[in-house]
Amino acid sequence: MTLERKILEFKLATVDKVSSIYEKVATQFFNYPQNPGMLLTDPDPRNQTLSDYVSRLPLHARNVPPNPQPQNMLEAFVGNLPKSTTIEKVFYEQRHDGFYNFYVENYRNIFFLPDWLSQWIQIHLDMAVDITMLELFRESIFIGLLLFLTILQFRIQLYWFLTINPYTRPWVYLISLTDWIFDVMAGFSPIILGLDLTSAIISGLVGKFADSLNHLVFTMPFLPSEGQPGKLMINGQLKDVILYRYLPSLWYSHPIPDELREFWYADRPEILKFMKKNYGHLDIEFLPNRVLKEMYDKQHDPTIIATSLDNIKNISTNIVCDSSVYVNEMNHFINQKQLILLNFVENSTDKFIF
């Protein structure tokens, strides 16, 4: 009997033994085979789990490293230049939902900032609606990571040329820019067959982090947790989306930025009217601080108060004077009527006696 045959028989015997043990346990404790167990699929789609929902979502395109599709001679030699392809936010205005609604297509690899970090950025960095600086910061990190990845790859390829001493100028500058990360990763990366995998692991991590920036979505002025999954017809296709609409929760728990309220008051009065009509009962200030200060000053200005008191006194005096004149006129009118009535009674009495 060959060794291969002996090993196969041992495998089959082991499988049979384990199967027998499982069958005995299932029969003794779980009423096997009468108990069919859990259903493999849930026939009710309303009871689908979150993992099932996420598993059916599409993947957002990964762009780092880019697919090899050269369009010119430069790209044929150095490869395609990576470009940031972030998930697009589509803003829309609707008379029921409001003026700051947007949606993003839902992907399996989409991710957001934590709520506490998004809130801190909006409150302390004043980035509620205009997040241009935040987008520029992300783009700068993306380009910086790709530049570092290029230097790292060039540093690795430099060791292929045995005639070049990497510790002489100008090569030593590349060594200084990249060796610190090798020192950090020392001891964490494995060595297989005498081959150090540190450079491959570092390149993969840097590329993964740079590519992940394309899947990060900023949800200002909403918090990430305020999104509602839904479906929309986009370009003739029904797609899964995440909707952000109505009033952001931060605009209720914290004051709305004054620049935004000033913009509503001066340039977009229809937004101010909508906010007052739909959310005026929530005790939220929608007028800019400038207008609120003017209203407060008018209410507490002593000259205005004194003028108002004088006007009240003048009005009261006029009312009293007018009332006196009116009373005198009424008395005169009543006296005249009394005299007329008395004359009529006397004349009627004299005629009756006659």
Protein backbone atom coordinates (compact mmCIF):
# COMPACT_ATOMS: atom_id res chain seq x y z
CA MET A 1 0.00 0.00 0.00
CA THR A 2 1.36 3.35 -1.01
CA LEU A 3 1.73 6.28 1.38
CA GLU A 4 -0.77 8.31 -0.63
CA ARG A 5 -3.38 5.58 -0.25
CA LYS A 6 -2.68 5.36 3.47
CA ILE A 7 -3.17 9.10 3.93
CA LEU A 8 -6.45 9.02 1.98
CA GLU A 9 -7.81 6.21 4.14
CA PHE A 10 -6.83 8.11 7.28
CA LYS A 11 -8.67 11.22 6.00
CA LEU A 12 -11.82 9.23 5.23
CA ALA A 13 -11.74 7.54 8.63
CA THR A 14 -11.35 10.89 10.36
CA VAL A 15 -14.28 12.39 8.44
CA ASP A 16 -16.49 9.40 9.26
CA LYS A 17 -15.59 9.61 12.95
CA VAL A 18 -16.29 13.33 13.18
CA SER A 19 -19.56 12.91 11.26
CA SER A 20 -20.65 10.17 13.66
CA ILE A 21 -19.90 12.37 16.68
CA TYR A 22 -21.88 15.28 15.21
CA GLU A 23 -24.82 13.01 14.39
CA LYS A 24 -24.91 11.59 17.94
CA VAL A 25 -24.84 15.05 19.49
CA ALA A 26 -27.58 16.31 17.13
CA THR A 27 -29.75 13.27 17.86
CA GLN A 28 -29.26 13.42 21.63
CA PHE A 29 -29.72 17.16 22.20
CA PHE A 30 -31.43 18.66 19.14
CA ASN A 31 -33.99 16.01 18.14
CA TYR A 32 -32.25 15.18 14.84
CA PRO A 33 -33.47 14.37 12.17
CA GLN A 34 -37.01 15.56 13.08
CA ASN A 35 -35.73 19.06 13.76
CA PRO A 36 -35.06 20.75 10.37
CA GLY A 37 -33.19 23.64 11.95
CA MET A 38 -33.18 27.30 10.83
CA LEU A 39 -34.31 28.31 7.37
CA LEU A 40 -31.52 29.01 4.94
CA THR A 41 -33.30 32.07 3.48
CA ASP A 42 -35.92 34.41 4.89
CA PRO A 43 -38.91 34.54 2.56
CA ASP A 44 -40.01 37.90 3.98
CA PRO A 45 -37.84 40.70 2.46
CA ARG A 46 -38.82 43.02 5.31
CA ASN A 47 -36.81 40.89 7.73
CA GLN A 48 -33.56 41.04 5.78
CA THR A 49 -30.51 41.79 7.85
CA LEU A 50 -28.21 44.75 7.41
CA SER A 51 -25.43 42.48 6.17
CA ASP A 52 -27.70 41.14 3.41
CA TYR A 53 -28.57 44.69 2.37
CA VAL A 54 -24.94 45.80 2.30
CA SER A 55 -23.79 42.69 0.42
CA ARG A 56 -26.10 43.58 -2.48
CA LEU A 57 -24.73 47.10 -2.86
CA PRO A 58 -22.25 47.84 -5.66
CA LEU A 59 -18.61 48.75 -5.06
CA HIS A 60 -17.34 52.24 -5.71
CA ALA A 61 -14.55 52.15 -8.26
CA ARG A 62 -11.07 51.79 -6.80
CA ASN A 63 -8.63 54.12 -8.50
CA VAL A 64 -5.32 53.55 -6.65
CA PRO A 65 -3.39 52.07 -8.33
CA PRO A 66 -5.12 53.04 -11.60
CA ASN A 67 -5.98 50.50 -14.25
CA PRO A 68 -3.29 50.25 -16.97
CA GLN A 69 -5.02 52.14 -19.78
CA PRO A 70 -2.36 54.41 -21.31
CA GLN A 71 -3.57 57.23 -23.55
CA ASN A 72 -0.18 58.62 -24.60
CA MET A 73 3.51 57.71 -24.67
CA LEU A 74 4.18 59.15 -21.20
CA GLU A 75 1.52 56.96 -19.61
CA ALA A 76 2.81 54.00 -21.60
CA PHE A 77 6.19 54.31 -19.82
CA VAL A 78 5.25 55.59 -16.34
CA GLY A 79 1.68 54.26 -16.11
CA ASN A 80 -1.64 56.03 -15.70
CA LEU A 81 -1.69 59.04 -13.43
CA PRO A 82 -4.14 58.43 -10.55
CA LYS A 83 -7.02 60.86 -10.21
CA SER A 84 -9.33 61.34 -7.26
CA THR A 85 -12.83 60.04 -8.03
CA THR A 86 -14.83 60.93 -4.94
CA ILE A 87 -18.47 59.98 -4.47
CA GLU A 88 -20.57 62.84 -5.81
CA LYS A 89 -23.17 64.60 -3.66
CA VAL A 90 -26.24 65.72 -5.62
CA PHE A 91 -28.01 68.71 -4.07
CA TYR A 92 -31.62 69.53 -4.80
CA GLU A 93 -34.29 71.99 -3.64
CA GLN A 94 -37.84 70.91 -2.96
CA ARG A 95 -40.71 72.86 -1.40
CA HIS A 96 -41.50 70.10 1.12
CA ASP A 97 -37.98 68.88 1.93
CA GLY A 98 -36.22 72.26 1.96
CA PHE A 99 -33.26 73.90 0.26
CA TYR A 100 -30.24 71.96 1.62
CA ASN A 101 -31.11 68.41 0.65
CA PHE A 102 -28.74 66.06 -1.12
CA TYR A 103 -28.25 62.40 -1.82
CA VAL A 104 -25.28 60.15 -2.53
CA GLU A 105 -25.26 56.79 -4.22
CA ASN A 106 -24.91 54.00 -1.70
CA TYR A 107 -21.90 51.70 -2.07
CA ARG A 108 -20.57 48.75 -0.16
CA ASN A 109 -17.25 50.50 0.52
CA ILE A 110 -18.60 53.97 1.34
CA PHE A 111 -17.75 55.40 4.75
CA PHE A 112 -18.24 58.61 6.72
CA LEU A 113 -16.66 60.61 9.50
CA PRO A 114 -17.79 59.84 13.05
CA ASP A 115 -20.65 62.02 14.27
CA TRP A 116 -18.52 63.68 16.95
CA LEU A 117 -15.79 64.62 14.45
CA SER A 118 -18.28 65.96 11.89
CA GLN A 119 -19.94 68.02 14.63
CA TRP A 120 -16.60 69.41 15.84
CA ILE A 121 -15.61 70.45 12.30
CA GLN A 122 -18.92 72.21 11.70
CA ILE A 123 -18.98 74.07 15.02
CA HIS A 124 -15.34 74.96 15.61
CA LEU A 125 -14.12 75.30 12.01
CA ASP A 126 -17.32 76.97 10.74
CA MET A 127 -17.86 74.52 7.88
CA ALA A 128 -21.61 74.05 7.73
CA VAL A 129 -22.44 74.44 4.03
CA ASP A 130 -19.27 75.63 2.30
CA ILE A 131 -16.72 72.82 2.77
CA THR A 132 -14.35 73.91 0.01
CA MET A 133 -11.39 74.03 2.40
CA LEU A 134 -12.18 70.54 3.67
CA GLU A 135 -12.29 69.19 0.12
CA LEU A 136 -8.99 70.91 -0.67
CA PHE A 137 -7.47 69.37 2.45
CA ARG A 138 -8.56 65.90 1.34
CA GLU A 139 -7.21 66.50 -2.17
CA SER A 140 -3.89 67.68 -0.72
CA ILE A 141 -3.58 64.54 1.40
CA PHE A 142 -4.44 62.41 -1.64
CA ILE A 143 -1.76 64.05 -3.81
CA GLY A 144 0.76 63.97 -0.96
CA LEU A 145 0.24 60.24 -0.42
CA LEU A 146 0.68 59.53 -4.12
CA LEU A 147 3.86 61.61 -4.18
CA PHE A 148 5.18 59.75 -1.15
CA LEU A 149 4.26 56.44 -2.82
CA THR A 150 6.20 57.44 -5.93
CA ILE A 151 9.27 58.38 -3.87
CA LEU A 152 8.96 55.10 -1.94
CA GLN A 153 8.84 53.05 -5.13
CA PHE A 154 11.80 54.94 -6.57
CA ARG A 155 13.73 54.33 -3.35
CA ILE A 156 13.05 50.58 -3.62
CA GLN A 157 14.08 50.49 -7.27
CA LEU A 158 17.26 52.38 -6.42
CA TYR A 159 18.65 49.26 -4.73
CA TRP A 160 18.46 47.40 -8.04
CA PHE A 161 21.37 49.45 -9.38
CA LEU A 162 24.42 48.08 -7.59
CA THR A 163 26.69 50.77 -8.99
CA ILE A 164 24.76 53.56 -7.24
CA ASN A 165 25.56 54.29 -3.64
CA PRO A 166 22.19 55.39 -2.15
CA TYR A 167 23.94 57.08 0.80
CA THR A 168 25.52 59.76 -1.36
CA ARG A 169 23.93 62.95 -2.60
CA PRO A 170 21.35 63.37 -4.05
CA TRP A 171 20.13 59.83 -3.33
CA VAL A 172 20.53 60.21 0.41
CA TYR A 173 17.62 62.70 0.46
CA LEU A 174 15.29 60.01 -0.83
CA ILE A 175 16.57 57.67 1.85
CA SER A 176 15.88 60.28 4.54
CA LEU A 177 12.32 60.82 3.28
CA THR A 178 11.38 57.15 3.31
CA ASP A 179 13.53 55.27 5.82
CA TRP A 180 11.55 56.55 8.82
CA ILE A 181 8.54 54.44 7.84
CA PHE A 182 10.77 51.39 7.44
CA ASP A 183 12.03 51.98 10.99
CA VAL A 184 8.42 52.13 12.23
CA MET A 185 7.45 48.92 10.42
CA ALA A 186 10.60 47.04 11.46
CA GLY A 187 9.65 43.94 13.39
CA PHE A 188 6.03 43.94 12.24
CA SER A 189 6.46 42.67 8.70
CA PRO A 190 7.37 39.02 8.05
CA ILE A 191 10.40 37.73 6.17
CA ILE A 192 9.61 34.84 3.84
CA LEU A 193 12.44 32.83 2.30
CA GLY A 194 14.85 35.62 3.20
CA LEU A 195 12.77 38.22 1.39
CA ASP A 196 11.74 41.28 3.42
CA LEU A 197 8.12 42.18 2.66
CA THR A 198 8.22 45.56 4.41
CA SER A 199 8.32 47.60 1.20
CA ALA A 200 5.37 45.69 -0.31
CA ILE A 201 3.29 46.06 2.87
CA ILE A 202 4.03 49.79 3.17
CA SER A 203 3.18 50.39 -0.50
CA GLY A 204 -0.09 48.50 -0.09
CA LEU A 205 -1.07 50.42 3.06
CA VAL A 206 -0.28 53.83 1.56
CA GLY A 207 -2.17 52.99 -1.63
CA LYS A 208 -5.15 51.66 0.35
CA PHE A 209 -5.33 54.79 2.49
CA ALA A 210 -5.05 57.08 -0.55
CA ASP A 211 -7.76 55.14 -2.36
CA SER A 212 -10.03 55.19 0.70
CA LEU A 213 -10.14 58.98 0.54
CA ASN A 214 -12.21 58.57 -2.64
CA HIS A 215 -14.88 56.69 -0.69
CA LEU A 216 -15.10 59.22 2.17
CA VAL A 217 -18.24 61.40 2.05
CA PHE A 218 -18.63 64.65 3.97
CA THR A 219 -22.26 65.16 5.02
CA MET A 220 -22.19 68.80 6.15
CA PRO A 221 -24.50 70.44 7.29
CA PHE A 222 -25.98 67.09 8.39
CA LEU A 223 -24.44 64.53 10.70
CA PRO A 224 -23.57 61.20 9.02
CA SER A 225 -26.12 59.32 11.15
CA GLU A 226 -28.98 61.45 9.77
CA GLY A 227 -28.87 59.71 6.39
CA GLN A 228 -31.87 57.64 5.29
CA PRO A 229 -31.37 54.72 2.85
CA GLY A 230 -33.71 54.81 -0.12
CA LYS A 231 -34.00 54.26 -3.86
CA LEU A 232 -34.07 56.80 -6.68
CA MET A 233 -34.35 56.57 -10.44
CA ILE A 234 -31.00 57.88 -11.75
CA ASN A 235 -30.34 57.95 -15.50
CA GLY A 236 -33.11 55.45 -16.08
CA GLN A 237 -31.82 53.02 -13.42
CA LEU A 238 -33.18 52.37 -9.93
CA LYS A 239 -30.23 52.83 -7.57
CA ASP A 240 -29.69 52.67 -3.83
CA VAL A 241 -29.01 56.08 -2.34
CA ILE A 242 -28.61 57.74 1.06
CA LEU A 243 -30.86 60.78 1.52
CA TYR A 244 -30.11 63.81 3.68
CA ARG A 245 -33.03 66.24 3.94
CA TYR A 246 -35.20 68.47 6.13
CA LEU A 247 -33.58 70.41 9.01
CA PRO A 248 -30.06 69.42 10.16
CA SER A 249 -30.02 68.48 13.83
CA LEU A 250 -27.07 70.80 14.54
CA TRP A 251 -29.18 73.78 13.46
CA TYR A 252 -31.59 72.89 16.24
CA SER A 253 -29.10 72.12 19.02
CA HIS A 254 -26.64 74.91 18.07
CA PRO A 255 -27.08 78.38 16.52
CA ILE A 256 -27.15 78.50 12.74
CA PRO A 257 -23.96 80.20 11.41
CA ASP A 258 -24.47 83.95 11.18
CA GLU A 259 -22.99 84.15 7.65
CA LEU A 260 -25.64 81.70 6.46
CA ARG A 261 -28.47 83.61 8.12
CA GLU A 262 -27.15 86.85 6.63
CA PHE A 263 -27.14 85.20 3.21
CA TRP A 264 -30.78 84.15 3.65
CA TYR A 265 -31.82 87.61 4.81
CA ALA A 266 -30.00 89.55 2.06
CA ASP A 267 -29.95 87.24 -0.98
CA ARG A 268 -32.37 84.34 -0.49
CA PRO A 269 -35.49 85.56 1.35
CA GLU A 270 -37.43 82.53 0.10
CA ILE A 271 -35.20 80.28 2.24
CA LEU A 272 -35.77 82.49 5.29
CA LYS A 273 -39.53 82.39 4.66
CA PHE A 274 -39.47 78.59 4.33
CA MET A 275 -37.50 78.18 7.57
CA LYS A 276 -39.83 80.45 9.53
CA LYS A 277 -42.93 78.77 8.13
CA ASN A 278 -41.86 75.17 8.76
CA TYR A 279 -39.55 75.42 11.77
CA GLY A 280 -40.62 78.65 13.47
CA HIS A 281 -42.20 76.69 16.34
CA LEU A 282 -38.81 75.20 17.33
CA ASP A 283 -37.48 78.43 18.89
CA ILE A 284 -34.63 78.78 16.38
CA GLU A 285 -33.18 82.16 15.40
CA PHE A 286 -33.29 82.54 11.63
CA LEU A 287 -32.57 86.28 11.46
CA PRO A 288 -28.91 87.42 11.32
CA ASN A 289 -27.26 88.83 14.44
CA ARG A 290 -27.17 92.28 12.86
CA VAL A 291 -30.95 92.45 12.56
CA LEU A 292 -31.47 90.95 16.01
CA LYS A 293 -29.15 93.57 17.52
CA GLU A 294 -31.04 96.39 15.80
CA MET A 295 -34.33 95.05 17.13
CA TYR A 296 -32.89 94.77 20.64
CA ASP A 297 -31.46 98.30 20.54
CA LYS A 298 -34.79 99.73 19.44
CA GLN A 299 -36.57 97.97 22.28
CA HIS A 300 -34.10 99.20 24.93
CA ASP A 301 -33.17 102.69 23.60
CA PRO A 302 -34.04 105.28 26.39
CA THR A 303 -34.73 108.04 23.87
CA ILE A 304 -37.21 105.83 22.05
CA ILE A 305 -38.81 104.86 25.36
CA ALA A 306 -39.07 108.53 26.43
CA THR A 307 -40.56 109.45 23.06
CA SER A 308 -43.03 106.61 23.39
CA LEU A 309 -44.03 107.81 26.87
CA ASP A 310 -44.51 111.35 25.60
CA ASN A 311 -46.62 110.04 22.78
CA ILE A 312 -48.67 108.04 25.25
CA LYS A 313 -49.14 111.14 27.43
CA ASN A 314 -50.16 113.24 24.42
CA ILE A 315 -52.56 110.60 23.29
CA SER A 316 -54.03 110.33 26.80
CA THR A 317 -54.41 114.13 27.04
CA ASN A 318 -56.04 114.29 23.64
CA ILE A 319 -58.38 111.47 24.61
CA VAL A 320 -59.35 113.28 27.84
CA CYS A 321 -59.90 116.58 26.03
CA ASP A 322 -61.89 114.97 23.29
CA SER A 323 -63.91 113.08 25.86
CA SER A 324 -64.70 116.31 27.77
CA VAL A 325 -65.82 118.06 24.61
CA TYR A 326 -67.94 115.08 23.68
CA VAL A 327 -69.57 114.95 27.15
CA ASN A 328 -70.38 118.69 27.02
CA GLU A 329 -71.89 118.33 23.60
CA MET A 330 -73.98 115.39 24.77
CA ASN A 331 -75.21 117.33 27.81
CA HIS A 332 -76.16 120.28 25.63
CA PHE A 333 -77.98 117.98 23.22
CA ILE A 334 -79.87 116.21 26.04
CA ASN A 335 -80.91 119.55 27.61
CA GLN A 336 -82.25 120.75 24.28
CA LYS A 337 -84.25 117.58 23.86
CA GLN A 338 -85.61 117.88 27.40
CA LEU A 339 -86.82 121.43 26.75
CA ILE A 340 -88.49 120.35 23.53
CA LEU A 341 -90.16 117.46 25.33
CA LEU A 342 -91.40 119.72 28.16
CA ASN A 343 -92.82 122.24 25.70
CA PHE A 344 -94.61 119.47 23.87
CA VAL A 345 -96.09 118.11 27.14
CA GLU A 346 -97.27 121.56 28.27
CA ASN A 347 -98.92 122.30 24.94
CA SER A 348 -100.61 118.94 24.92
CA THR A 349 -101.89 119.41 28.51
CA ASP A 350 -103.34 122.85 27.78
CA LYS A 351 -105.24 121.51 24.82
CA PHE A 352 -106.60 118.62 26.87
CA ILE A 353 -107.91 120.97 29.67
CA PHE A 354 -109.59 123.18 27.13
